Amino acid sequence: DQAPDTCGTLPNFGHKSTTEQVTKSPSNQAFHPLYSRDAMSISKPSSQTAFALAAALAIVSTFHVQGFTIPSPVPSRPAQQHCPRATALAAAASAEEQVAPKPTSKADPHWMDFLKYDGQPTFDVIEKTKQYTSEPGYKSFNLAQIPTTYYDDEYLFRGPFIGPMTREDLDETNSNFKVSKVFPDLDRVPFGFAVDPENPYRVLYFERWEYTHTGDFELINTPITLLPTNNYGKQPLVPFSLNWTPEGKIIYAALGGEVDRFEGNTQGKSAVTGLMQTMGLMDGIHVHVGNKLLCLFQKFVRFANQPLQQLSKEEDIPSWWKSKARGAEVNDTV
């Protein structure tokens, strides 16, 4: 016999309640730094201190710690009796209301087409890029030393979880990091220059960073000094790209993710995070796009106008940049 249909309401189609556990790193070891009269000098920071320093730096800050998961419970709803008739009615209504998304087309414009220009460049974009990447300030990662004549007034930099940043903000953050003092032998080695077949004004290339941590690192706005480890660092390859204007100025620079995270000796980290890994500040700390804590911290640092910024103010970002994703936020759909 078929069971009578006694359902008076549609069944609950909500998510089932879930419970996630938070697992903290099993470490209660206290850290006892060495003190001096003028500053606190740290030679071998513990994992807790390393994390605190990284957060204070505001370069990568408050990242996802290995072995620690953030709970994201879904509110539970009371279970309801299964009702075949109500289920069928709900499915039919949903099918009627659902509108299929418009399929994307190759002809659809993209906001980054702004970086494409009519005609061909009147200069050799590869030679221009080689000249730029041969500048001493570029090679040593002292960006303020690069002549400003290379840059367009609407220049922006974007990395996987840094940016968009104007030239002024990028120079300021880079200068506060004092790379030339901490890594005096740092050398960026670019190679493999190629023109984008879809944009003759765009040049792509690879680069690898090599250096030795031989200088003291003074944590900005604190009395803390991190002593040199004398560690040699060799980072994995990363792709880079520059977009030139018809006037021969750089309007956009983009840093990509690591080609092979198993290359080098920085645990797959590159650029600034690789430098911090060599200093011993990133052990067990991993950065990734979409980390909500990192995104929140980046916006707080921006709001508080703290040093070592990771994104520029909204009013300073040129209007040609249409994406609303900031810092480590996931891509939007523009």
C-alpha atoms as a PDB file:
ATOM      1  CA  ASP A   1       0.000   0.000   0.000  1.00  0.00           C
ATOM      2  CA  GLN A   2       1.225   3.482  -0.825  1.00  0.00           C
ATOM      3  CA  ALA A   3       1.827   5.695   2.185  1.00  0.00           C
ATOM      4  CA  PRO A   4      -0.588   8.620   2.404  1.00  0.00           C
ATOM      5  CA  ASP A   5       0.720  12.036   1.369  1.00  0.00           C
ATOM      6  CA  THR A   6       0.542  14.018   4.582  1.00  0.00           C
ATOM      7  CA  CYS A   7       3.068  16.751   3.756  1.00  0.00           C
ATOM      8  CA  GLY A   8       1.646  20.205   4.125  1.00  0.00           C
ATOM      9  CA  THR A   9       4.758  22.141   3.122  1.00  0.00           C
ATOM     10  CA  LEU A  10       7.632  21.765   0.726  1.00  0.00           C
ATOM     11  CA  PRO A  11      10.587  19.811   2.047  1.00  0.00           C
ATOM     12  CA  ASN A  12      13.739  21.517   3.243  1.00  0.00           C
ATOM     13  CA  PHE A  13      16.312  21.730   0.466  1.00  0.00           C
ATOM     14  CA  GLY A  14      18.919  23.446   2.663  1.00  0.00           C
ATOM     15  CA  HIS A  15      22.392  22.186   3.413  1.00  0.00           C
ATOM     16  CA  LYS A  16      22.895  19.606   6.092  1.00  0.00           C
ATOM     17  CA  SER A  17      24.581  20.862   9.186  1.00  0.00           C
ATOM     18  CA  THR A  18      28.277  20.237   9.273  1.00  0.00           C
ATOM     19  CA  THR A  19      30.813  20.375  12.036  1.00  0.00           C
ATOM     20  CA  GLU A  20      34.439  21.167  11.426  1.00  0.00           C
ATOM     21  CA  GLN A  21      37.124  20.866  14.033  1.00  0.00           C
ATOM     22  CA  VAL A  22      39.905  23.292  14.635  1.00  0.00           C
ATOM     23  CA  THR A  23      43.273  21.678  15.087  1.00  0.00           C
ATOM     24  CA  LYS A  24      45.978  23.848  16.526  1.00  0.00           C
ATOM     25  CA  SER A  25      49.666  23.297  16.175  1.00  0.00           C
ATOM     26  CA  PRO A  26      50.813  21.179  19.149  1.00  0.00           C
ATOM     27  CA  SER A  27      53.382  23.602  20.428  1.00  0.00           C
ATOM     28  CA  ASN A  28      53.403  25.356  23.786  1.00  0.00           C
ATOM     29  CA  GLN A  29      57.096  26.051  23.847  1.00  0.00           C
ATOM     30  CA  ALA A  30      57.885  29.536  25.136  1.00  0.00           C
ATOM     31  CA  PHE A  31      60.298  31.718  23.225  1.00  0.00           C
ATOM     32  CA  HIS A  32      63.109  33.443  25.097  1.00  0.00           C
ATOM     33  CA  PRO A  33      64.805  36.033  22.886  1.00  0.00           C
ATOM     34  CA  LEU A  34      68.181  37.549  23.519  1.00  0.00           C
ATOM     35  CA  TYR A  35      68.077  41.134  24.638  1.00  0.00           C
ATOM     36  CA  SER A  36      70.490  44.017  24.093  1.00  0.00           C
ATOM     37  CA  ARG A  37      70.381  47.551  25.421  1.00  0.00           C
ATOM     38  CA  ASP A  38      68.952  49.088  22.263  1.00  0.00           C
ATOM     39  CA  ALA A  39      67.025  46.328  20.574  1.00  0.00           C
ATOM     40  CA  MET A  40      65.843  42.792  20.836  1.00  0.00           C
ATOM     41  CA  SER A  41      67.998  40.564  18.635  1.00  0.00           C
ATOM     42  CA  ILE A  42      66.620  37.255  17.468  1.00  0.00           C
ATOM     43  CA  SER A  43      68.876  34.654  15.939  1.00  0.00           C
ATOM     44  CA  LYS A  44      66.631  31.586  15.736  1.00  0.00           C
ATOM     45  CA  PRO A  45      62.966  32.529  16.113  1.00  0.00           C
ATOM     46  CA  SER A  46      60.463  29.912  17.154  1.00  0.00           C
ATOM     47  CA  SER A  47      57.508  29.128  14.913  1.00  0.00           C
ATOM     48  CA  GLN A  48      55.238  31.329  17.078  1.00  0.00           C
ATOM     49  CA  THR A  49      57.613  34.269  16.880  1.00  0.00           C
ATOM     50  CA  ALA A  50      58.153  33.754  13.172  1.00  0.00           C
ATOM     51  CA  PHE A  51      54.431  33.914  12.608  1.00  0.00           C
ATOM     52  CA  ALA A  52      54.104  37.064  14.711  1.00  0.00           C
ATOM     53  CA  LEU A  53      56.902  38.742  12.813  1.00  0.00           C
ATOM     54  CA  ALA A  54      55.393  37.794   9.475  1.00  0.00           C
ATOM     55  CA  ALA A  55      52.042  39.217  10.542  1.00  0.00           C
ATOM     56  CA  ALA A  56      53.625  42.433  11.785  1.00  0.00           C
ATOM     57  CA  LEU A  57      55.481  42.855   8.525  1.00  0.00           C
ATOM     58  CA  ALA A  58      52.139  43.059   6.719  1.00  0.00           C
ATOM     59  CA  ILE A  59      53.750  41.554   3.665  1.00  0.00           C
ATOM     60  CA  VAL A  60      51.987  38.260   3.932  1.00  0.00           C
ATOM     61  CA  SER A  61      50.538  38.436   7.425  1.00  0.00           C
ATOM     62  CA  THR A  62      48.079  36.186   9.207  1.00  0.00           C
ATOM     63  CA  PHE A  63      48.324  33.445   6.630  1.00  0.00           C
ATOM     64  CA  HIS A  64      46.916  29.977   6.778  1.00  0.00           C
ATOM     65  CA  VAL A  65      49.031  28.031   9.262  1.00  0.00           C
ATOM     66  CA  GLN A  66      49.712  24.429   8.340  1.00  0.00           C
ATOM     67  CA  GLY A  67      47.672  22.130  10.538  1.00  0.00           C
ATOM     68  CA  PHE A  68      45.127  24.829  11.420  1.00  0.00           C
ATOM     69  CA  THR A  69      41.750  24.975   9.737  1.00  0.00           C
ATOM     70  CA  ILE A  70      39.193  27.708  10.154  1.00  0.00           C
ATOM     71  CA  PRO A  71      35.707  26.477  10.992  1.00  0.00           C
ATOM     72  CA  SER A  72      33.013  27.422   8.554  1.00  0.00           C
ATOM     73  CA  PRO A  73      29.861  25.856   9.973  1.00  0.00           C
ATOM     74  CA  VAL A  74      26.724  25.829   7.896  1.00  0.00           C
ATOM     75  CA  PRO A  75      23.611  26.634   9.947  1.00  0.00           C
ATOM     76  CA  SER A  76      21.557  23.511  10.478  1.00  0.00           C
ATOM     77  CA  ARG A  77      17.897  23.241   9.697  1.00  0.00           C
ATOM     78  CA  PRO A  78      15.419  20.903  11.288  1.00  0.00           C
ATOM     79  CA  ALA A  79      14.870  17.683   9.384  1.00  0.00           C
ATOM     80  CA  GLN A  80      11.522  17.348   7.647  1.00  0.00           C
ATOM     81  CA  GLN A  81       9.574  14.339   6.504  1.00  0.00           C
ATOM     82  CA  HIS A  82      10.321  13.323   2.919  1.00  0.00           C
ATOM     83  CA  CYS A  83       7.403  14.075   0.642  1.00  0.00           C
ATOM     84  CA  PRO A  84       7.538  12.815  -2.983  1.00  0.00           C
ATOM     85  CA  ARG A  85       4.742  15.129  -4.154  1.00  0.00           C
ATOM     86  CA  ALA A  86       6.360  18.227  -2.647  1.00  0.00           C
ATOM     87  CA  THR A  87       9.750  17.224  -4.012  1.00  0.00           C
ATOM     88  CA  ALA A  88       8.378  16.906  -7.527  1.00  0.00           C
ATOM     89  CA  LEU A  89       6.555  20.236  -7.292  1.00  0.00           C
ATOM     90  CA  ALA A  90       9.667  22.019  -6.060  1.00  0.00           C
ATOM     91  CA  ALA A  91      11.797  20.520  -8.824  1.00  0.00           C
ATOM     92  CA  ALA A  92       9.302  21.604 -11.468  1.00  0.00           C
ATOM     93  CA  ALA A  93       9.133  25.139 -10.096  1.00  0.00           C
ATOM     94  CA  SER A  94      12.900  25.358  -9.960  1.00  0.00           C
ATOM     95  CA  ALA A  95      13.202  24.188 -13.570  1.00  0.00           C
ATOM     96  CA  GLU A  96      10.738  26.851 -14.725  1.00  0.00           C
ATOM     97  CA  GLU A  97      12.492  29.639 -12.853  1.00  0.00           C
ATOM     98  CA  GLN A  98      16.013  28.674 -13.763  1.00  0.00           C
ATOM     99  CA  VAL A  99      17.415  30.585 -16.712  1.00  0.00           C
ATOM    100  CA  ALA A 100      20.405  29.108 -18.497  1.00  0.00           C
ATOM    101  CA  PRO A 101      23.415  31.450 -18.380  1.00  0.00           C
ATOM    102  CA  LYS A 102      24.426  33.022 -21.627  1.00  0.00           C
ATOM    103  CA  PRO A 103      27.374  31.078 -23.065  1.00  0.00           C
ATOM    104  CA  THR A 104      30.573  33.007 -23.411  1.00  0.00           C
ATOM    105  CA  SER A 105      31.841  33.783 -26.872  1.00  0.00           C
ATOM    106  CA  LYS A 106      35.282  34.388 -28.324  1.00  0.00           C
ATOM    107  CA  ALA A 107      33.940  37.705 -29.575  1.00  0.00           C
ATOM    108  CA  ASP A 108      32.992  38.901 -26.072  1.00  0.00           C
ATOM    109  CA  PRO A 109      35.126  41.887 -25.010  1.00  0.00           C
ATOM    110  CA  HIS A 110      37.294  41.674 -21.905  1.00  0.00           C
ATOM    111  CA  TRP A 111      38.198  44.645 -19.745  1.00  0.00           C
ATOM    112  CA  MET A 112      41.917  43.869 -20.079  1.00  0.00           C
ATOM    113  CA  ASP A 113      41.600  44.482 -23.816  1.00  0.00           C
ATOM    114  CA  PHE A 114      42.301  48.057 -22.740  1.00  0.00           C
ATOM    115  CA  LEU A 115      45.961  47.009 -22.819  1.00  0.00           C
ATOM    116  CA  LYS A 116      45.748  46.181 -26.520  1.00  0.00           C
ATOM    117  CA  TYR A 117      46.392  48.944 -29.022  1.00  0.00           C
ATOM    118  CA  ASP A 118      45.812  49.372 -32.732  1.00  0.00           C
ATOM    119  CA  GLY A 119      48.749  48.667 -34.979  1.00  0.00           C
ATOM    120  CA  GLN A 120      52.225  47.459 -34.148  1.00  0.00           C
ATOM    121  CA  PRO A 121      54.738  49.013 -31.728  1.00  0.00           C
ATOM    122  CA  THR A 122      57.183  51.486 -33.224  1.00  0.00           C
ATOM    123  CA  PHE A 123      59.942  50.122 -30.971  1.00  0.00           C
ATOM    124  CA  ASP A 124      61.354  46.675 -30.161  1.00  0.00           C
ATOM    125  CA  VAL A 125      59.357  45.600 -27.102  1.00  0.00           C
ATOM    126  CA  ILE A 126      61.718  42.734 -26.267  1.00  0.00           C
ATOM    127  CA  GLU A 127      64.817  44.936 -26.365  1.00  0.00           C
ATOM    128  CA  LYS A 128      62.999  47.542 -24.311  1.00  0.00           C
ATOM    129  CA  THR A 129      62.092  44.885 -21.748  1.00  0.00           C
ATOM    130  CA  LYS A 130      65.656  43.573 -21.615  1.00  0.00           C
ATOM    131  CA  GLN A 131      66.892  47.100 -21.030  1.00  0.00           C
ATOM    132  CA  TYR A 132      64.393  47.571 -18.187  1.00  0.00           C
ATOM    133  CA  THR A 133      65.194  44.232 -16.498  1.00  0.00           C
ATOM    134  CA  SER A 134      68.922  45.019 -16.732  1.00  0.00           C
ATOM    135  CA  GLU A 135      68.563  48.133 -14.590  1.00  0.00           C
ATOM    136  CA  PRO A 136      70.551  47.770 -11.315  1.00  0.00           C
ATOM    137  CA  GLY A 137      67.454  48.635  -9.293  1.00  0.00           C
ATOM    138  CA  TYR A 138      65.495  45.873 -11.003  1.00  0.00           C
ATOM    139  CA  LYS A 139      68.229  43.258 -10.649  1.00  0.00           C
ATOM    140  CA  SER A 140      68.727  43.968  -6.933  1.00  0.00           C
ATOM    141  CA  PHE A 141      65.003  44.462  -6.187  1.00  0.00           C
ATOM    142  CA  ASN A 142      65.493  48.077  -5.122  1.00  0.00           C
ATOM    143  CA  LEU A 143      62.616  49.415  -7.166  1.00  0.00           C
ATOM    144  CA  ALA A 144      62.960  53.069  -6.195  1.00  0.00           C
ATOM    145  CA  GLN A 145      66.325  53.100  -7.994  1.00  0.00           C
ATOM    146  CA  ILE A 146      64.688  52.357 -11.355  1.00  0.00           C
ATOM    147  CA  PRO A 147      64.242  55.563 -13.405  1.00  0.00           C
ATOM    148  CA  THR A 148      60.632  56.711 -13.291  1.00  0.00           C
ATOM    149  CA  THR A 149      60.791  57.488 -17.024  1.00  0.00           C
ATOM    150  CA  TYR A 150      60.005  53.824 -17.681  1.00  0.00           C
ATOM    151  CA  TYR A 151      56.501  54.093 -16.243  1.00  0.00           C
ATOM    152  CA  ASP A 152      53.164  55.340 -17.483  1.00  0.00           C
ATOM    153  CA  ASP A 153      51.142  57.585 -15.164  1.00  0.00           C
ATOM    154  CA  GLU A 154      48.510  54.818 -14.887  1.00  0.00           C
ATOM    155  CA  TYR A 155      50.979  52.039 -14.072  1.00  0.00           C
ATOM    156  CA  LEU A 156      49.807  49.171 -11.870  1.00  0.00           C
ATOM    157  CA  PHE A 157      51.420  46.043 -10.449  1.00  0.00           C
ATOM    158  CA  ARG A 158      49.488  42.853  -9.670  1.00  0.00           C
ATOM    159  CA  GLY A 159      50.698  39.595  -8.147  1.00  0.00           C
ATOM    160  CA  PRO A 160      48.838  36.450  -7.082  1.00  0.00           C
ATOM    161  CA  PHE A 161      47.924  37.951  -3.686  1.00  0.00           C
ATOM    162  CA  ILE A 162      49.425  41.445  -3.819  1.00  0.00           C
ATOM    163  CA  GLY A 163      47.915  44.481  -5.532  1.00  0.00           C
ATOM    164  CA  PRO A 164      46.739  46.256  -7.461  1.00  0.00           C
ATOM    165  CA  MET A 165      49.485  48.691  -6.475  1.00  0.00           C
ATOM    166  CA  THR A 166      50.547  51.985  -7.954  1.00  0.00           C
ATOM    167  CA  ARG A 167      54.193  52.727  -8.638  1.00  0.00           C
ATOM    168  CA  GLU A 168      54.448  55.033  -5.616  1.00  0.00           C
ATOM    169  CA  ASP A 169      52.999  52.480  -3.187  1.00  0.00           C
ATOM    170  CA  LEU A 170      55.139  49.683  -4.590  1.00  0.00           C
ATOM    171  CA  ASP A 171      58.312  51.752  -4.246  1.00  0.00           C
ATOM    172  CA  GLU A 172      57.447  52.735  -0.672  1.00  0.00           C
ATOM    173  CA  THR A 173      56.739  49.179   0.476  1.00  0.00           C
ATOM    174  CA  ASN A 174      59.851  47.895  -1.280  1.00  0.00           C
ATOM    175  CA  SER A 175      62.020  50.592   0.319  1.00  0.00           C
ATOM    176  CA  ASN A 176      60.660  49.851   3.817  1.00  0.00           C
ATOM    177  CA  PHE A 177      61.708  46.233   3.394  1.00  0.00           C
ATOM    178  CA  LYS A 178      65.374  47.381   3.006  1.00  0.00           C
ATOM    179  CA  VAL A 179      66.336  44.566   0.662  1.00  0.00           C
ATOM    180  CA  SER A 180      69.787  45.956  -0.122  1.00  0.00           C
ATOM    181  CA  LYS A 181      70.737  45.755   3.553  1.00  0.00           C
ATOM    182  CA  VAL A 182      69.246  42.343   4.303  1.00  0.00           C
ATOM    183  CA  PHE A 183      70.144  40.661   0.972  1.00  0.00           C
ATOM    184  CA  PRO A 184      73.015  42.729  -0.473  1.00  0.00           C
ATOM    185  CA  ASP A 185      73.839  40.149  -3.152  1.00  0.00           C
ATOM    186  CA  LEU A 186      70.284  39.577  -4.396  1.00  0.00           C
ATOM    187  CA  ASP A 187      70.142  39.006  -8.146  1.00  0.00           C
ATOM    188  CA  ARG A 188      67.032  38.605 -10.284  1.00  0.00           C
ATOM    189  CA  VAL A 189      67.902  36.574 -13.375  1.00  0.00           C
ATOM    190  CA  PRO A 190      65.387  37.124 -16.213  1.00  0.00           C
ATOM    191  CA  PHE A 191      65.394  35.075 -19.419  1.00  0.00           C
ATOM    192  CA  GLY A 192      63.161  33.599 -22.125  1.00  0.00           C
ATOM    193  CA  PHE A 193      61.667  36.856 -23.405  1.00  0.00           C
ATOM    194  CA  ALA A 194      58.731  36.426 -25.800  1.00  0.00           C
ATOM    195  CA  VAL A 195      55.972  38.578 -27.275  1.00  0.00           C
ATOM    196  CA  ASP A 196      52.369  37.609 -26.587  1.00  0.00           C
ATOM    197  CA  PRO A 197      50.973  36.480 -29.979  1.00  0.00           C
ATOM    198  CA  GLU A 198      47.637  38.096 -29.052  1.00  0.00           C
ATOM    199  CA  ASN A 199      49.143  41.406 -27.941  1.00  0.00           C
ATOM    200  CA  PRO A 200      52.306  42.789 -29.563  1.00  0.00           C
ATOM    201  CA  TYR A 201      52.691  45.285 -26.706  1.00  0.00           C
ATOM    202  CA  ARG A 202      53.007  42.559 -24.078  1.00  0.00           C
ATOM    203  CA  VAL A 203      56.276  40.774 -23.242  1.00  0.00           C
ATOM    204  CA  LEU A 204      56.455  37.639 -21.118  1.00  0.00           C
ATOM    205  CA  TYR A 205      59.551  36.160 -19.498  1.00  0.00           C
ATOM    206  CA  PHE A 206      60.768  34.034 -16.610  1.00  0.00           C
ATOM    207  CA  GLU A 207      63.007  34.949 -13.728  1.00  0.00           C
ATOM    208  CA  ARG A 208      64.784  33.273 -10.823  1.00  0.00           C
ATOM    209  CA  TRP A 209      66.005  34.956  -7.624  1.00  0.00           C
ATOM    210  CA  GLU A 210      69.280  34.074  -5.864  1.00  0.00           C
ATOM    211  CA  TYR A 211      70.670  35.722  -2.725  1.00  0.00           C
ATOM    212  CA  THR A 212      72.181  35.260   0.739  1.00  0.00           C
ATOM    213  CA  HIS A 213      70.701  36.515   3.998  1.00  0.00           C
ATOM    214  CA  THR A 214      73.726  38.333   5.429  1.00  0.00           C
ATOM    215  CA  GLY A 215      72.218  41.542   6.854  1.00  0.00           C
ATOM    216  CA  ASP A 216      70.216  42.448   9.957  1.00  0.00           C
ATOM    217  CA  PHE A 217      66.510  42.857   9.426  1.00  0.00           C
ATOM    218  CA  GLU A 218      64.942  45.598  11.523  1.00  0.00           C
ATOM    219  CA  LEU A 219      61.240  45.091  11.985  1.00  0.00           C
ATOM    220  CA  ILE A 220      59.717  48.453  11.079  1.00  0.00           C
ATOM    221  CA  ASN A 221      58.250  50.505  13.943  1.00  0.00           C
ATOM    222  CA  THR A 222      59.526  48.016  16.545  1.00  0.00           C
ATOM    223  CA  PRO A 223      62.774  47.532  18.529  1.00  0.00           C
ATOM    224  CA  ILE A 224      63.131  44.022  17.104  1.00  0.00           C
ATOM    225  CA  THR A 225      66.119  43.105  14.946  1.00  0.00           C
ATOM    226  CA  LEU A 226      66.373  39.735  13.241  1.00  0.00           C
ATOM    227  CA  LEU A 227      69.984  38.637  12.956  1.00  0.00           C
ATOM    228  CA  PRO A 228      71.295  37.229   9.651  1.00  0.00           C
ATOM    229  CA  THR A 229      71.066  33.491   9.115  1.00  0.00           C
ATOM    230  CA  ASN A 230      73.675  33.450   6.326  1.00  0.00           C
ATOM    231  CA  ASN A 231      71.272  31.163   4.467  1.00  0.00           C
ATOM    232  CA  TYR A 232      71.586  30.933   0.713  1.00  0.00           C
ATOM    233  CA  GLY A 233      68.301  31.247  -1.122  1.00  0.00           C
ATOM    234  CA  LYS A 234      67.373  30.057  -4.589  1.00  0.00           C
ATOM    235  CA  GLN A 235      63.752  30.470  -5.551  1.00  0.00           C
ATOM    236  CA  PRO A 236      61.669  28.554  -8.104  1.00  0.00           C
ATOM    237  CA  LEU A 237      61.076  30.083 -11.500  1.00  0.00           C
ATOM    238  CA  VAL A 238      58.216  32.553 -11.821  1.00  0.00           C
ATOM    239  CA  PRO A 239      56.617  34.029 -14.970  1.00  0.00           C
ATOM    240  CA  PHE A 240      56.485  37.783 -15.355  1.00  0.00           C
ATOM    241  CA  SER A 241      54.866  40.046 -17.918  1.00  0.00           C
ATOM    242  CA  LEU A 242      55.073  43.709 -18.883  1.00  0.00           C
ATOM    243  CA  ASN A 243      52.547  45.664 -20.926  1.00  0.00           C
ATOM    244  CA  TRP A 244      53.904  48.634 -22.869  1.00  0.00           C
ATOM    245  CA  THR A 245      52.011  51.602 -24.279  1.00  0.00           C
ATOM    246  CA  PRO A 246      52.507  52.965 -27.807  1.00  0.00           C
ATOM    247  CA  GLU A 247      54.580  55.710 -26.171  1.00  0.00           C
ATOM    248  CA  GLY A 248      57.053  53.127 -24.845  1.00  0.00           C
ATOM    249  CA  LYS A 249      55.958  53.247 -21.190  1.00  0.00           C
ATOM    250  CA  ILE A 250      55.138  50.343 -18.876  1.00  0.00           C
ATOM    251  CA  ILE A 251      51.489  50.519 -17.844  1.00  0.00           C
ATOM    252  CA  TYR A 252      51.057  47.085 -16.257  1.00  0.00           C
ATOM    253  CA  ALA A 253      53.349  44.503 -14.654  1.00  0.00           C
ATOM    254  CA  ALA A 254      52.094  41.097 -13.527  1.00  0.00           C
ATOM    255  CA  LEU A 255      53.821  38.405 -11.491  1.00  0.00           C
ATOM    256  CA  GLY A 256      52.560  34.836 -11.813  1.00  0.00           C
ATOM    257  CA  GLY A 257      52.800  31.809  -9.553  1.00  0.00           C
ATOM    258  CA  GLU A 258      55.724  29.423  -9.340  1.00  0.00           C
ATOM    259  CA  VAL A 259      56.353  27.231 -12.382  1.00  0.00           C
ATOM    260  CA  ASP A 260      57.518  24.298 -10.238  1.00  0.00           C
ATOM    261  CA  ARG A 261      57.183  24.590  -6.470  1.00  0.00           C
ATOM    262  CA  PHE A 262      59.668  21.760  -5.931  1.00  0.00           C
ATOM    263  CA  GLU A 263      62.492  23.774  -7.465  1.00  0.00           C
ATOM    264  CA  GLY A 264      64.925  25.761  -5.304  1.00  0.00           C
ATOM    265  CA  ASN A 265      65.240  25.727  -1.512  1.00  0.00           C
ATOM    266  CA  THR A 266      62.433  28.064  -0.380  1.00  0.00           C
ATOM    267  CA  GLN A 267      59.682  25.436  -0.017  1.00  0.00           C
ATOM    268  CA  GLY A 268      58.050  26.577  -3.245  1.00  0.00           C
ATOM    269  CA  LYS A 269      57.841  30.230  -2.207  1.00  0.00           C
ATOM    270  CA  SER A 270      58.923  33.072  -4.472  1.00  0.00           C
ATOM    271  CA  ALA A 271      59.542  36.818  -4.465  1.00  0.00           C
ATOM    272  CA  VAL A 272      59.031  38.423  -1.018  1.00  0.00           C
ATOM    273  CA  THR A 273      57.597  35.283   0.578  1.00  0.00           C
ATOM    274  CA  GLY A 274      60.684  33.412  -0.627  1.00  0.00           C
ATOM    275  CA  LEU A 275      62.938  36.022   0.983  1.00  0.00           C
ATOM    276  CA  MET A 276      61.068  35.628   4.252  1.00  0.00           C
ATOM    277  CA  GLN A 277      61.331  31.851   4.020  1.00  0.00           C
ATOM    278  CA  THR A 278      65.113  32.164   3.766  1.00  0.00           C
ATOM    279  CA  MET A 279      65.080  34.385   6.879  1.00  0.00           C
ATOM    280  CA  GLY A 280      63.209  31.678   8.778  1.00  0.00           C
ATOM    281  CA  LEU A 281      59.924  33.583   9.018  1.00  0.00           C
ATOM    282  CA  MET A 282      57.742  31.375   6.843  1.00  0.00           C
ATOM    283  CA  ASP A 283      58.264  27.835   8.126  1.00  0.00           C
ATOM    284  CA  GLY A 284      54.853  26.190   8.317  1.00  0.00           C
ATOM    285  CA  ILE A 285      53.142  29.297   6.900  1.00  0.00           C
ATOM    286  CA  HIS A 286      51.582  29.087   3.447  1.00  0.00           C
ATOM    287  CA  VAL A 287      49.902  31.786   1.419  1.00  0.00           C
ATOM    288  CA  HIS A 288      47.137  31.200  -1.084  1.00  0.00           C
ATOM    289  CA  VAL A 289      44.486  33.078  -2.981  1.00  0.00           C
ATOM    290  CA  GLY A 290      41.139  33.124  -1.208  1.00  0.00           C
ATOM    291  CA  ASN A 291      42.416  33.045   2.383  1.00  0.00           C
ATOM    292  CA  LYS A 292      39.778  35.105   4.155  1.00  0.00           C
ATOM    293  CA  LEU A 293      41.972  35.959   7.130  1.00  0.00           C
ATOM    294  CA  LEU A 294      44.685  37.258   4.832  1.00  0.00           C
ATOM    295  CA  CYS A 295      42.175  39.292   2.811  1.00  0.00           C
ATOM    296  CA  LEU A 296      40.741  40.800   5.988  1.00  0.00           C
ATOM    297  CA  PHE A 297      44.178  41.663   7.331  1.00  0.00           C
ATOM    298  CA  GLN A 298      45.230  43.271   4.040  1.00  0.00           C
ATOM    299  CA  LYS A 299      42.182  45.514   4.082  1.00  0.00           C
ATOM    300  CA  PHE A 300      42.769  46.411   7.728  1.00  0.00           C
ATOM    301  CA  VAL A 301      46.379  47.397   7.005  1.00  0.00           C
ATOM    302  CA  ARG A 302      45.133  49.504   4.098  1.00  0.00           C
ATOM    303  CA  PHE A 303      42.432  51.140   6.210  1.00  0.00           C
ATOM    304  CA  ALA A 304      44.896  51.883   9.045  1.00  0.00           C
ATOM    305  CA  ASN A 305      47.428  53.213   6.521  1.00  0.00           C
ATOM    306  CA  GLN A 306      50.204  51.067   7.956  1.00  0.00           C
ATOM    307  CA  PRO A 307      53.633  50.614   6.336  1.00  0.00           C
ATOM    308  CA  LEU A 308      54.387  47.701   4.013  1.00  0.00           C
ATOM    309  CA  GLN A 309      51.107  48.007   2.124  1.00  0.00           C
ATOM    310  CA  GLN A 310      49.878  45.210  -0.119  1.00  0.00           C
ATOM    311  CA  LEU A 311      47.273  47.153  -2.118  1.00  0.00           C
ATOM    312  CA  SER A 312      46.659  50.763  -3.056  1.00  0.00           C
ATOM    313  CA  LYS A 313      43.801  53.015  -2.013  1.00  0.00           C
ATOM    314  CA  GLU A 314      40.681  52.792  -4.136  1.00  0.00           C
ATOM    315  CA  GLU A 315      40.929  56.413  -5.234  1.00  0.00           C
ATOM    316  CA  ASP A 316      44.519  55.859  -6.428  1.00  0.00           C
ATOM    317  CA  ILE A 317      43.768  52.851  -8.651  1.00  0.00           C
ATOM    318  CA  PRO A 318      43.454  53.953 -12.315  1.00  0.00           C
ATOM    319  CA  SER A 319      39.993  53.649 -13.834  1.00  0.00           C
ATOM    320  CA  TRP A 320      41.159  51.211 -16.513  1.00  0.00           C
ATOM    321  CA  TRP A 321      41.501  48.518 -13.819  1.00  0.00           C
ATOM    322  CA  LYS A 322      38.011  47.002 -13.592  1.00  0.00           C
ATOM    323  CA  SER A 323      38.477  43.990 -11.303  1.00  0.00           C
ATOM    324  CA  LYS A 324      37.173  44.470  -7.769  1.00  0.00           C
ATOM    325  CA  ALA A 325      39.378  41.694  -6.366  1.00  0.00           C
ATOM    326  CA  ARG A 326      41.910  43.119  -3.942  1.00  0.00           C
ATOM    327  CA  GLY A 327      44.975  41.437  -2.501  1.00  0.00           C
ATOM    328  CA  ALA A 328      44.381  37.725  -2.008  1.00  0.00           C
ATOM    329  CA  GLU A 329      40.672  37.845  -2.890  1.00  0.00           C
ATOM    330  CA  VAL A 330      39.504  35.386  -5.542  1.00  0.00           C
ATOM    331  CA  ASN A 331      38.861  36.683  -9.050  1.00  0.00           C
ATOM    332  CA  ASP A 332      35.551  38.372  -9.720  1.00  0.00           C
ATOM    333  CA  THR A 333      33.542  37.827 -12.889  1.00  0.00           C
ATOM    334  CA  VAL A 334      34.058  41.115 -14.720  1.00  0.00           C
END
